[in-house]
Structure formats: structure tokens, C-alpha cells
């Protein structure tokens, strides 16, 4: 008999819509870091962090930083 293959666990929901660097950016912002601090920590420009956050807001239909933080906490980031 052949062993049954189990599928790899899937990430579903809002987190699945985010790229890994977007999730990392969201985690930093939710931790209270500024755009500049986040950019320095991730080795990016502030412009790139801003772009990631605009993409996150669009994907998750979020309009404020408070909502970003709430979602990050709810998602365990």
C-alpha cells in the first residue's frame, strides 16, 4: 500500500492575501514602530514601507493605522 499524502497546511483568510514582506511590515507597524524605524529594521527605504502599507490597506480594505494594528493583533502578527 502507498502511504497517504497529506496536503500542506494552507494559510487562509486575510493573511494569505499578504506577501511575506507585507506581513513583516504590518508586524513592525503594529508593534509601534514608525515608517522610518520599520524601513531601517527591514533594510528598505521609507518609500517602500509606505508602498507595502498602501498595498496592505487596499488588500484588507483598511483605512487607518489603528485598524492595521487591530488586524495585526487579531491575526497574531
PDB file of N, CA and C in Angstrom:
ATOM      1  N   UNK A   1       0.829  -1.184   0.000  1.00  0.00           N
ATOM      2  CA  UNK A   1       0.000   0.000   0.000  1.00  0.00           C
ATOM      3  C   UNK A   1       0.873   1.246   0.000  1.00  0.00           C
ATOM      4  N   UNK A   2       0.431   2.237  -0.723  1.00  0.00           N
ATOM      5  CA  UNK A   2       1.135   3.514  -0.741  1.00  0.00           C
ATOM      6  C   UNK A   2       0.667   4.376   0.425  1.00  0.00           C
ATOM      7  N   UNK A   3       1.571   5.063   1.080  1.00  0.00           N
ATOM      8  CA  UNK A   3       1.149   5.937   2.181  1.00  0.00           C
ATOM      9  C   UNK A   3       0.337   7.105   1.645  1.00  0.00           C
ATOM     10  N   UNK A   4      -0.624   7.516   2.413  1.00  0.00           N
ATOM     11  CA  UNK A   4      -1.444   8.666   2.032  1.00  0.00           C
ATOM     12  C   UNK A   4      -0.642   9.942   2.224  1.00  0.00           C
ATOM     13  N   UNK A   5      -0.731  10.799   1.259  1.00  0.00           N
ATOM     14  CA  UNK A   5      -0.055  12.084   1.366  1.00  0.00           C
ATOM     15  C   UNK A   5      -1.024  13.092   1.935  1.00  0.00           C
ATOM     16  N   UNK A   6      -0.582  13.808   2.920  1.00  0.00           N
ATOM     17  CA  UNK A   6      -1.436  14.848   3.481  1.00  0.00           C
ATOM     18  C   UNK A   6      -1.008  16.179   2.895  1.00  0.00           C
ATOM     19  N   UNK A   7      -1.978  16.993   2.521  1.00  0.00           N
ATOM     20  CA  UNK A   7      -1.627  18.288   1.947  1.00  0.00           C
ATOM     21  C   UNK A   7      -0.995  19.193   2.997  1.00  0.00           C
ATOM     22  N   UNK A   8      -0.141  20.054   2.536  1.00  0.00           N
ATOM     23  CA  UNK A   8       0.483  21.025   3.432  1.00  0.00           C
ATOM     24  C   UNK A   8      -0.584  21.965   3.964  1.00  0.00           C
ATOM     25  N   UNK A   9      -0.445  22.406   5.211  1.00  0.00           N
ATOM     26  CA  UNK A   9      -1.437  23.338   5.747  1.00  0.00           C
ATOM     27  C   UNK A   9      -1.453  24.615   4.937  1.00  0.00           C
ATOM     28  N   UNK A  10      -2.627  25.114   4.707  1.00  0.00           N
ATOM     29  CA  UNK A  10      -2.790  26.341   3.929  1.00  0.00           C
ATOM     30  C   UNK A  10      -3.068  27.510   4.843  1.00  0.00           C
ATOM     31  N   UNK A  11      -2.518  28.635   4.496  1.00  0.00           N
ATOM     32  CA  UNK A  11      -2.864  29.857   5.194  1.00  0.00           C
ATOM     33  C   UNK A  11      -4.069  30.424   4.475  1.00  0.00           C
ATOM     34  N   UNK A  12      -5.111  30.680   5.214  1.00  0.00           N
ATOM     35  CA  UNK A  12      -6.318  31.202   4.606  1.00  0.00           C
ATOM     36  C   UNK A  12      -6.670  32.537   5.227  1.00  0.00           C
ATOM     37  N   UNK A  13      -7.634  33.182   4.651  1.00  0.00           N
ATOM     38  CA  UNK A  13      -8.102  34.446   5.185  1.00  0.00           C
ATOM     39  C   UNK A  13      -7.231  35.601   4.764  1.00  0.00           C
ATOM     40  N   UNK A  14      -7.322  36.700   5.522  1.00  0.00           N
ATOM     41  CA  UNK A  14      -6.609  37.922   5.149  1.00  0.00           C
ATOM     42  C   UNK A  14      -5.100  37.767   5.074  1.00  0.00           C
ATOM     43  N   UNK A  15      -4.514  36.949   5.930  1.00  0.00           N
ATOM     44  CA  UNK A  15      -3.059  36.803   5.921  1.00  0.00           C
ATOM     45  C   UNK A  15      -2.584  36.193   4.618  1.00  0.00           C
ATOM     46  N   UNK A  16      -3.357  35.296   4.049  1.00  0.00           N
ATOM     47  CA  UNK A  16      -2.976  34.652   2.800  1.00  0.00           C
ATOM     48  C   UNK A  16      -2.853  35.668   1.665  1.00  0.00           C
ATOM     49  N   UNK A  17      -3.592  36.759   1.758  1.00  0.00           N
ATOM     50  CA  UNK A  17      -3.560  37.773   0.709  1.00  0.00           C
ATOM     51  C   UNK A  17      -2.298  38.618   0.766  1.00  0.00           C
ATOM     52  N   UNK A  18      -1.585  38.553   1.889  1.00  0.00           N
ATOM     53  CA  UNK A  18      -0.402  39.396   2.064  1.00  0.00           C
ATOM     54  C   UNK A  18       0.878  38.650   1.705  1.00  0.00           C
ATOM     55  N   UNK A  19       1.776  39.370   1.047  1.00  0.00           N
ATOM     56  CA  UNK A  19       3.099  38.829   0.754  1.00  0.00           C
ATOM     57  C   UNK A  19       3.898  38.780   2.057  1.00  0.00           C
ATOM     58  N   UNK A  20       4.921  37.940   2.132  1.00  0.00           N
ATOM     59  CA  UNK A  20       5.713  37.840   3.366  1.00  0.00           C
ATOM     60  C   UNK A  20       6.266  39.185   3.856  1.00  0.00           C
ATOM     61  N   UNK A  21       6.765  40.011   2.959  1.00  0.00           N
ATOM     62  CA  UNK A  21       7.316  41.311   3.381  1.00  0.00           C
ATOM     63  C   UNK A  21       6.204  42.251   3.840  1.00  0.00           C
ATOM     64  N   UNK A  22       5.012  42.122   3.270  1.00  0.00           N
ATOM     65  CA  UNK A  22       3.880  42.917   3.740  1.00  0.00           C
ATOM     66  C   UNK A  22       3.506  42.503   5.159  1.00  0.00           C
ATOM     67  N   UNK A  23       3.496  41.191   5.425  1.00  0.00           N
ATOM     68  CA  UNK A  23       3.208  40.714   6.788  1.00  0.00           C
ATOM     69  C   UNK A  23       4.252  41.222   7.769  1.00  0.00           C
ATOM     70  N   UNK A  24       5.515  41.191   7.363  1.00  0.00           N
ATOM     71  CA  UNK A  24       6.587  41.673   8.232  1.00  0.00           C
ATOM     72  C   UNK A  24       6.419  43.164   8.511  1.00  0.00           C
ATOM     73  N   UNK A  25       6.100  43.929   7.487  1.00  0.00           N
ATOM     74  CA  UNK A  25       5.878  45.365   7.643  1.00  0.00           C
ATOM     75  C   UNK A  25       4.720  45.619   8.600  1.00  0.00           C
ATOM     76  N   UNK A  26       3.636  44.904   8.417  1.00  0.00           N
ATOM     77  CA  UNK A  26       2.471  45.051   9.285  1.00  0.00           C
ATOM     78  C   UNK A  26       2.832  44.730  10.733  1.00  0.00           C
ATOM     79  N   UNK A  27       3.629  43.705  10.939  1.00  0.00           N
ATOM     80  CA  UNK A  27       4.057  43.322  12.285  1.00  0.00           C
ATOM     81  C   UNK A  27       4.843  44.460  12.949  1.00  0.00           C
ATOM     82  N   UNK A  28       5.735  45.105  12.204  1.00  0.00           N
ATOM     83  CA  UNK A  28       6.529  46.205  12.761  1.00  0.00           C
ATOM     84  C   UNK A  28       5.649  47.407  13.111  1.00  0.00           C
ATOM     85  N   UNK A  29       4.755  47.766  12.216  1.00  0.00           N
ATOM     86  CA  UNK A  29       3.876  48.914  12.458  1.00  0.00           C
ATOM     87  C   UNK A  29       2.963  48.639  13.651  1.00  0.00           C
ATOM     88  N   UNK A  30       2.450  47.413  13.739  1.00  0.00           N
ATOM     89  CA  UNK A  30       1.583  47.047  14.861  1.00  0.00           C
ATOM     90  C   UNK A  30       2.346  47.065  16.184  1.00  0.00           C
ATOM     91  N   UNK A  31       3.663  46.865  16.127  1.00  0.00           N
ATOM     92  CA  UNK A  31       4.497  46.900  17.333  1.00  0.00           C
ATOM     93  C   UNK A  31       4.812  48.329  17.759  1.00  0.00           C
ATOM     94  N   UNK A  32       4.350  49.300  16.987  1.00  0.00           N
ATOM     95  CA  UNK A  32       4.531  50.702  17.351  1.00  0.00           C
ATOM     96  C   UNK A  32       5.705  51.382  16.691  1.00  0.00           C
ATOM     97  N   UNK A  33       6.358  50.722  15.763  1.00  0.00           N
ATOM     98  CA  UNK A  33       7.485  51.342  15.071  1.00  0.00           C
ATOM     99  C   UNK A  33       6.981  52.345  14.034  1.00  0.00           C
ATOM    100  N   UNK A  34       7.777  53.370  13.797  1.00  0.00           N
ATOM    101  CA  UNK A  34       7.442  54.345  12.763  1.00  0.00           C
ATOM    102  C   UNK A  34       7.828  53.777  11.394  1.00  0.00           C
ATOM    103  N   UNK A  35       7.439  54.476  10.339  1.00  0.00           N
ATOM    104  CA  UNK A  35       7.817  54.053   8.989  1.00  0.00           C
ATOM    105  C   UNK A  35       9.342  54.022   8.869  1.00  0.00           C
ATOM    106  N   UNK A  36      10.006  55.047   9.415  1.00  0.00           N
ATOM    107  CA  UNK A  36      11.466  55.137   9.321  1.00  0.00           C
ATOM    108  C   UNK A  36      12.119  53.992  10.084  1.00  0.00           C
ATOM    109  N   UNK A  37      11.645  53.714  11.309  1.00  0.00           N
ATOM    110  CA  UNK A  37      12.202  52.613  12.091  1.00  0.00           C
ATOM    111  C   UNK A  37      11.991  51.279  11.392  1.00  0.00           C
ATOM    112  N   UNK A  38      10.794  51.098  10.829  1.00  0.00           N
ATOM    113  CA  UNK A  38      10.487  49.867  10.108  1.00  0.00           C
ATOM    114  C   UNK A  38      11.400  49.717   8.902  1.00  0.00           C
ATOM    115  N   UNK A  39      11.576  50.794   8.159  1.00  0.00           N
ATOM    116  CA  UNK A  39      12.441  50.761   6.972  1.00  0.00           C
ATOM    117  C   UNK A  39      13.872  50.392   7.354  1.00  0.00           C
ATOM    118  N   UNK A  40      14.379  51.002   8.401  1.00  0.00           N
ATOM    119  CA  UNK A  40      15.754  50.703   8.830  1.00  0.00           C
ATOM    120  C   UNK A  40      15.890  49.250   9.267  1.00  0.00           C
ATOM    121  N   UNK A  41      14.922  48.775  10.031  1.00  0.00           N
ATOM    122  CA  UNK A  41      14.988  47.408  10.540  1.00  0.00           C
ATOM    123  C   UNK A  41      14.925  46.389   9.392  1.00  0.00           C
ATOM    124  N   UNK A  42      14.121  46.688   8.363  1.00  0.00           N
ATOM    125  CA  UNK A  42      13.946  45.761   7.249  1.00  0.00           C
ATOM    126  C   UNK A  42      14.955  45.986   6.126  1.00  0.00           C
ATOM    127  N   UNK A  43      15.761  47.038   6.234  1.00  0.00           N
ATOM    128  CA  UNK A  43      16.739  47.334   5.196  1.00  0.00           C
ATOM    129  C   UNK A  43      16.095  47.866   3.924  1.00  0.00           C
ATOM    130  N   UNK A  44      15.046  48.662   4.092  1.00  0.00           N
ATOM    131  CA  UNK A  44      14.294  49.204   2.965  1.00  0.00           C
ATOM    132  C   UNK A  44      14.272  50.723   3.034  1.00  0.00           C
ATOM    133  N   UNK A  45      13.771  51.338   1.978  1.00  0.00           N
ATOM    134  CA  UNK A  45      13.551  52.776   2.025  1.00  0.00           C
ATOM    135  C   UNK A  45      12.187  53.027   2.669  1.00  0.00           C
ATOM    136  N   UNK A  46      12.016  54.232   3.179  1.00  0.00           N
ATOM    137  CA  UNK A  46      10.730  54.609   3.766  1.00  0.00           C
ATOM    138  C   UNK A  46       9.634  54.542   2.700  1.00  0.00           C
ATOM    139  N   UNK A  47       9.987  54.863   1.484  1.00  0.00           N
ATOM    140  CA  UNK A  47       9.024  54.812   0.374  1.00  0.00           C
ATOM    141  C   UNK A  47       8.498  53.387   0.170  1.00  0.00           C
ATOM    142  N   UNK A  48       9.375  52.405   0.276  1.00  0.00           N
ATOM    143  CA  UNK A  48       8.963  51.007   0.107  1.00  0.00           C
ATOM    144  C   UNK A  48       8.027  50.585   1.227  1.00  0.00           C
ATOM    145  N   UNK A  49       8.324  50.992   2.449  1.00  0.00           N
ATOM    146  CA  UNK A  49       7.435  50.682   3.582  1.00  0.00           C
ATOM    147  C   UNK A  49       6.072  51.309   3.328  1.00  0.00           C
ATOM    148  N   UNK A  50       6.057  52.549   2.878  1.00  0.00           N
ATOM    149  CA  UNK A  50       4.789  53.222   2.568  1.00  0.00           C
ATOM    150  C   UNK A  50       4.019  52.465   1.486  1.00  0.00           C
ATOM    151  N   UNK A  51       4.722  51.988   0.474  1.00  0.00           N
ATOM    152  CA  UNK A  51       4.091  51.216  -0.600  1.00  0.00           C
ATOM    153  C   UNK A  51       3.494  49.921  -0.056  1.00  0.00           C
ATOM    154  N   UNK A  52       4.252  49.208   0.777  1.00  0.00           N
ATOM    155  CA  UNK A  52       3.734  47.977   1.382  1.00  0.00           C
ATOM    156  C   UNK A  52       2.467  48.257   2.178  1.00  0.00           C
ATOM    157  N   UNK A  53       2.473  49.335   2.958  1.00  0.00           N
ATOM    158  CA  UNK A  53       1.312  49.644   3.786  1.00  0.00           C
ATOM    159  C   UNK A  53       0.103  50.052   2.940  1.00  0.00           C
ATOM    160  N   UNK A  54       0.344  50.754   1.839  1.00  0.00           N
ATOM    161  CA  UNK A  54      -0.774  51.079   0.935  1.00  0.00           C
ATOM    162  C   UNK A  54      -1.359  49.809   0.325  1.00  0.00           C
ATOM    163  N   UNK A  55      -0.500  48.864  -0.037  1.00  0.00           N
ATOM    164  CA  UNK A  55      -0.983  47.588  -0.583  1.00  0.00           C
ATOM    165  C   UNK A  55      -1.773  46.806   0.460  1.00  0.00           C
ATOM    166  N   UNK A  56      -1.267  46.787   1.693  1.00  0.00           N
ATOM    167  CA  UNK A  56      -1.969  46.084   2.773  1.00  0.00           C
ATOM    168  C   UNK A  56      -3.343  46.698   2.980  1.00  0.00           C
ATOM    169  N   UNK A  57      -3.391  48.015   3.050  1.00  0.00           N
ATOM    170  CA  UNK A  57      -4.680  48.700   3.238  1.00  0.00           C
ATOM    171  C   UNK A  57      -5.651  48.363   2.115  1.00  0.00           C
ATOM    172  N   UNK A  58      -5.167  48.329   0.895  1.00  0.00           N
ATOM    173  CA  UNK A  58      -6.035  48.014  -0.245  1.00  0.00           C
ATOM    174  C   UNK A  58      -6.514  46.564  -0.193  1.00  0.00           C
ATOM    175  N   UNK A  59      -5.612  45.636   0.118  1.00  0.00           N
ATOM    176  CA  UNK A  59      -5.974  44.216   0.157  1.00  0.00           C
ATOM    177  C   UNK A  59      -6.961  43.902   1.274  1.00  0.00           C
ATOM    178  N   UNK A  60      -6.783  44.560   2.420  1.00  0.00           N
ATOM    179  CA  UNK A  60      -7.621  44.254   3.580  1.00  0.00           C
ATOM    180  C   UNK A  60      -8.735  45.271   3.796  1.00  0.00           C
ATOM    181  N   UNK A  61      -8.840  46.252   2.894  1.00  0.00           N
ATOM    182  CA  UNK A  61      -9.858  47.301   2.969  1.00  0.00           C
ATOM    183  C   UNK A  61      -9.803  48.011   4.324  1.00  0.00           C
ATOM    184  N   UNK A  62      -8.611  48.511   4.651  1.00  0.00           N
ATOM    185  CA  UNK A  62      -8.355  49.191   5.921  1.00  0.00           C
ATOM    186  C   UNK A  62      -8.008  50.643   5.618  1.00  0.00           C
ATOM    187  N   UNK A  63      -8.504  51.559   6.471  1.00  0.00           N
ATOM    188  CA  UNK A  63      -8.258  52.977   6.212  1.00  0.00           C
ATOM    189  C   UNK A  63      -7.391  53.672   7.249  1.00  0.00           C
ATOM    190  N   UNK A  64      -7.178  53.067   8.417  1.00  0.00           N
ATOM    191  CA  UNK A  64      -6.403  53.754   9.450  1.00  0.00           C
ATOM    192  C   UNK A  64      -5.318  52.845  10.040  1.00  0.00           C
ATOM    193  N   UNK A  65      -4.347  53.491  10.669  1.00  0.00           N
ATOM    194  CA  UNK A  65      -3.279  52.747  11.334  1.00  0.00           C
ATOM    195  C   UNK A  65      -3.841  51.958  12.511  1.00  0.00           C
ATOM    196  N   UNK A  66      -4.831  52.511  13.185  1.00  0.00           N
ATOM    197  CA  UNK A  66      -5.455  51.794  14.301  1.00  0.00           C
ATOM    198  C   UNK A  66      -6.065  50.482  13.817  1.00  0.00           C
ATOM    199  N   UNK A  67      -6.724  50.523  12.661  1.00  0.00           N
ATOM    200  CA  UNK A  67      -7.301  49.297  12.092  1.00  0.00           C
ATOM    201  C   UNK A  67      -6.193  48.315  11.704  1.00  0.00           C
ATOM    202  N   UNK A  68      -5.101  48.840  11.142  1.00  0.00           N
ATOM    203  CA  UNK A  68      -3.963  47.981  10.795  1.00  0.00           C
ATOM    204  C   UNK A  68      -3.469  47.238  12.029  1.00  0.00           C
ATOM    205  N   UNK A  69      -3.326  47.960  13.117  1.00  0.00           N
ATOM    206  CA  UNK A  69      -2.848  47.360  14.363  1.00  0.00           C
ATOM    207  C   UNK A  69      -3.833  46.326  14.880  1.00  0.00           C
ATOM    208  N   UNK A  70      -5.117  46.658  14.850  1.00  0.00           N
ATOM    209  CA  UNK A  70      -6.137  45.729  15.322  1.00  0.00           C
ATOM    210  C   UNK A  70      -6.110  44.436  14.528  1.00  0.00           C
ATOM    211  N   UNK A  71      -5.998  44.537  13.205  1.00  0.00           N
ATOM    212  CA  UNK A  71      -5.950  43.356  12.348  1.00  0.00           C
ATOM    213  C   UNK A  71      -4.681  42.543  12.623  1.00  0.00           C
ATOM    214  N   UNK A  72      -3.562  43.220  12.770  1.00  0.00           N
ATOM    215  CA  UNK A  72      -2.301  42.524  13.051  1.00  0.00           C
ATOM    216  C   UNK A  72      -2.391  41.735  14.348  1.00  0.00           C
ATOM    217  N   UNK A  73      -2.954  42.339  15.382  1.00  0.00           N
ATOM    218  CA  UNK A  73      -3.107  41.645  16.662  1.00  0.00           C
ATOM    219  C   UNK A  73      -4.059  40.472  16.516  1.00  0.00           C
ATOM    220  N   UNK A  74      -5.166  40.678  15.822  1.00  0.00           N
ATOM    221  CA  UNK A  74      -6.150  39.614  15.625  1.00  0.00           C
ATOM    222  C   UNK A  74      -5.554  38.442  14.839  1.00  0.00           C
ATOM    223  N   UNK A  75      -4.626  38.744  13.938  1.00  0.00           N
ATOM    224  CA  UNK A  75      -4.005  37.700  13.122  1.00  0.00           C
ATOM    225  C   UNK A  75      -2.797  37.075  13.792  1.00  0.00           C
ATOM    226  N   UNK A  76      -2.436  37.570  14.955  1.00  0.00           N
ATOM    227  CA  UNK A  76      -1.305  37.022  15.675  1.00  0.00           C
ATOM    228  C   UNK A  76       0.042  37.435  15.122  1.00  0.00           C
ATOM    229  N   UNK A  77       0.085  38.562  14.428  1.00  0.00           N
ATOM    230  CA  UNK A  77       1.355  39.042  13.893  1.00  0.00           C
ATOM    231  C   UNK A  77       2.023  39.857  14.961  1.00  0.00           C
TER     232      UNK A  77
END
